[in-house]
Amino acid sequence: MKHQQQHSLFDQIEKNTSVKPDDLLKLVESLNGADFKDENTVRKVIGDVAKLAGKNVSQKQEDDLVKAIMNNNVPLDLASLSKWFQSK
């Protein structure tokens, strides 16, 4: 049942974002053990996520994201995270 739920989740993500499950899994694997206190690592992750999502991230947005991530200032619940991104 868990495998079926994961498959369904990936199907929903692909349907809503056009991101292929394999690409998402590769991203997740690349984050495993990543040092989010290292600015270069954080910038690379932001670039990878933006590329995967097909979105452009301005230098200001990237700088704001880097600062927030490195200072542990990113909301963890979806509602707050959504509001946070809308304000950026």
C-alpha atoms as a PDB file:
ATOM      1  CA  MET A   1       0.000   0.000   0.000  1.00  0.00           C
ATOM      2  CA  LYS A   2       2.829   2.438   0.836  1.00  0.00           C
ATOM      3  CA  HIS A   3       4.371   1.852  -2.613  1.00  0.00           C
ATOM      4  CA  GLN A   4       1.001   2.593  -4.219  1.00  0.00           C
ATOM      5  CA  GLN A   5       0.688   5.828  -2.195  1.00  0.00           C
ATOM      6  CA  GLN A   6       4.183   6.910  -3.260  1.00  0.00           C
ATOM      7  CA  HIS A   7       3.393   6.125  -6.890  1.00  0.00           C
ATOM      8  CA  SER A   8       0.184   8.134  -6.632  1.00  0.00           C
ATOM      9  CA  LEU A   9       2.041  11.036  -5.010  1.00  0.00           C
ATOM     10  CA  PHE A  10       4.626  11.068  -7.790  1.00  0.00           C
ATOM     11  CA  ASP A  11       1.859  10.910 -10.397  1.00  0.00           C
ATOM     12  CA  GLN A  12       0.200  13.941  -8.785  1.00  0.00           C
ATOM     13  CA  ILE A  13       3.482  15.857  -8.662  1.00  0.00           C
ATOM     14  CA  GLU A  14       4.198  15.088 -12.319  1.00  0.00           C
ATOM     15  CA  LYS A  15       0.640  16.016 -13.317  1.00  0.00           C
ATOM     16  CA  ASN A  16       0.796  19.351 -11.453  1.00  0.00           C
ATOM     17  CA  THR A  17       4.390  20.321 -12.232  1.00  0.00           C
ATOM     18  CA  SER A  18       5.565  18.267 -15.243  1.00  0.00           C
ATOM     19  CA  VAL A  19       8.501  17.132 -13.096  1.00  0.00           C
ATOM     20  CA  LYS A  20       9.304  13.504 -13.744  1.00  0.00           C
ATOM     21  CA  PRO A  21       9.538  11.236 -10.675  1.00  0.00           C
ATOM     22  CA  ASP A  22      13.073  10.130 -11.628  1.00  0.00           C
ATOM     23  CA  ASP A  23      14.226  13.753 -11.791  1.00  0.00           C
ATOM     24  CA  LEU A  24      12.651  14.478  -8.410  1.00  0.00           C
ATOM     25  CA  LEU A  25      14.303  11.417  -6.857  1.00  0.00           C
ATOM     26  CA  LYS A  26      17.692  12.477  -8.261  1.00  0.00           C
ATOM     27  CA  LEU A  27      17.220  15.905  -6.673  1.00  0.00           C
ATOM     28  CA  VAL A  28      16.271  14.361  -3.334  1.00  0.00           C
ATOM     29  CA  GLU A  29      19.306  12.074  -3.460  1.00  0.00           C
ATOM     30  CA  SER A  30      21.567  15.051  -4.195  1.00  0.00           C
ATOM     31  CA  LEU A  31      20.229  16.790  -1.077  1.00  0.00           C
ATOM     32  CA  ASN A  32      21.060  13.858   1.169  1.00  0.00           C
ATOM     33  CA  GLY A  33      23.961  15.005   3.322  1.00  0.00           C
ATOM     34  CA  ALA A  34      24.084  18.467   1.720  1.00  0.00           C
ATOM     35  CA  ASP A  35      25.639  21.184   3.884  1.00  0.00           C
ATOM     36  CA  PHE A  36      23.015  23.920   4.008  1.00  0.00           C
ATOM     37  CA  LYS A  37      25.388  26.141   5.985  1.00  0.00           C
ATOM     38  CA  ASP A  38      27.615  26.370   2.894  1.00  0.00           C
ATOM     39  CA  GLU A  39      26.532  29.239   0.632  1.00  0.00           C
ATOM     40  CA  ASN A  40      27.764  27.607  -2.582  1.00  0.00           C
ATOM     41  CA  THR A  41      25.815  24.433  -1.798  1.00  0.00           C
ATOM     42  CA  VAL A  42      22.654  26.406  -1.076  1.00  0.00           C
ATOM     43  CA  ARG A  43      22.996  28.389  -4.318  1.00  0.00           C
ATOM     44  CA  LYS A  44      23.513  25.169  -6.305  1.00  0.00           C
ATOM     45  CA  VAL A  45      20.408  23.587  -4.747  1.00  0.00           C
ATOM     46  CA  ILE A  46      18.343  26.696  -5.539  1.00  0.00           C
ATOM     47  CA  GLY A  47      19.578  26.576  -9.130  1.00  0.00           C
ATOM     48  CA  ASP A  48      18.847  22.854  -9.428  1.00  0.00           C
ATOM     49  CA  VAL A  49      15.320  23.254  -8.049  1.00  0.00           C
ATOM     50  CA  ALA A  50      14.618  26.254 -10.295  1.00  0.00           C
ATOM     51  CA  LYS A  51      15.866  24.356 -13.346  1.00  0.00           C
ATOM     52  CA  LEU A  52      13.806  21.297 -12.455  1.00  0.00           C
ATOM     53  CA  ALA A  53      10.709  23.464 -11.966  1.00  0.00           C
ATOM     54  CA  GLY A  54      11.375  25.445 -15.144  1.00  0.00           C
ATOM     55  CA  LYS A  55      11.406  28.716 -13.214  1.00  0.00           C
ATOM     56  CA  ASN A  56      13.724  31.670 -13.332  1.00  0.00           C
ATOM     57  CA  VAL A  57      15.060  32.943 -10.026  1.00  0.00           C
ATOM     58  CA  SER A  58      16.310  36.517  -9.985  1.00  0.00           C
ATOM     59  CA  GLN A  59      19.558  37.365  -8.206  1.00  0.00           C
ATOM     60  CA  LYS A  60      17.572  39.126  -5.459  1.00  0.00           C
ATOM     61  CA  GLN A  61      15.297  36.118  -4.989  1.00  0.00           C
ATOM     62  CA  GLU A  62      18.305  33.819  -4.855  1.00  0.00           C
ATOM     63  CA  ASP A  63      20.053  36.070  -2.348  1.00  0.00           C
ATOM     64  CA  ASP A  64      16.906  36.215  -0.184  1.00  0.00           C
ATOM     65  CA  LEU A  65      16.507  32.430  -0.327  1.00  0.00           C
ATOM     66  CA  VAL A  66      20.173  31.839   0.517  1.00  0.00           C
ATOM     67  CA  LYS A  67      19.954  34.182   3.500  1.00  0.00           C
ATOM     68  CA  ALA A  68      16.730  32.579   4.762  1.00  0.00           C
ATOM     69  CA  ILE A  69      17.985  29.000   4.340  1.00  0.00           C
ATOM     70  CA  MET A  70      21.347  29.667   5.938  1.00  0.00           C
ATOM     71  CA  ASN A  71      19.700  31.443   8.885  1.00  0.00           C
ATOM     72  CA  ASN A  72      17.125  28.653   9.351  1.00  0.00           C
ATOM     73  CA  ASN A  73      14.381  31.171   8.618  1.00  0.00           C
ATOM     74  CA  VAL A  74      12.223  29.122   6.242  1.00  0.00           C
ATOM     75  CA  PRO A  75       8.711  28.207   7.417  1.00  0.00           C
ATOM     76  CA  LEU A  76       8.042  24.484   7.585  1.00  0.00           C
ATOM     77  CA  ASP A  77       4.254  24.326   7.248  1.00  0.00           C
ATOM     78  CA  LEU A  78       2.764  24.601   3.756  1.00  0.00           C
ATOM     79  CA  ALA A  79       0.469  27.569   4.444  1.00  0.00           C
ATOM     80  CA  SER A  80       3.268  29.700   5.893  1.00  0.00           C
ATOM     81  CA  LEU A  81       5.678  28.570   3.188  1.00  0.00           C
ATOM     82  CA  SER A  82       3.221  29.554   0.470  1.00  0.00           C
ATOM     83  CA  LYS A  83       2.725  33.007   2.020  1.00  0.00           C
ATOM     84  CA  TRP A  84       6.493  33.365   2.424  1.00  0.00           C
ATOM     85  CA  PHE A  85       7.118  32.671  -1.272  1.00  0.00           C
ATOM     86  CA  GLN A  86       4.335  35.035  -2.353  1.00  0.00           C
ATOM     87  CA  SER A  87       5.974  37.846  -0.382  1.00  0.00           C
ATOM     88  CA  LYS A  88       9.342  37.346  -2.118  1.00  0.00           C
END
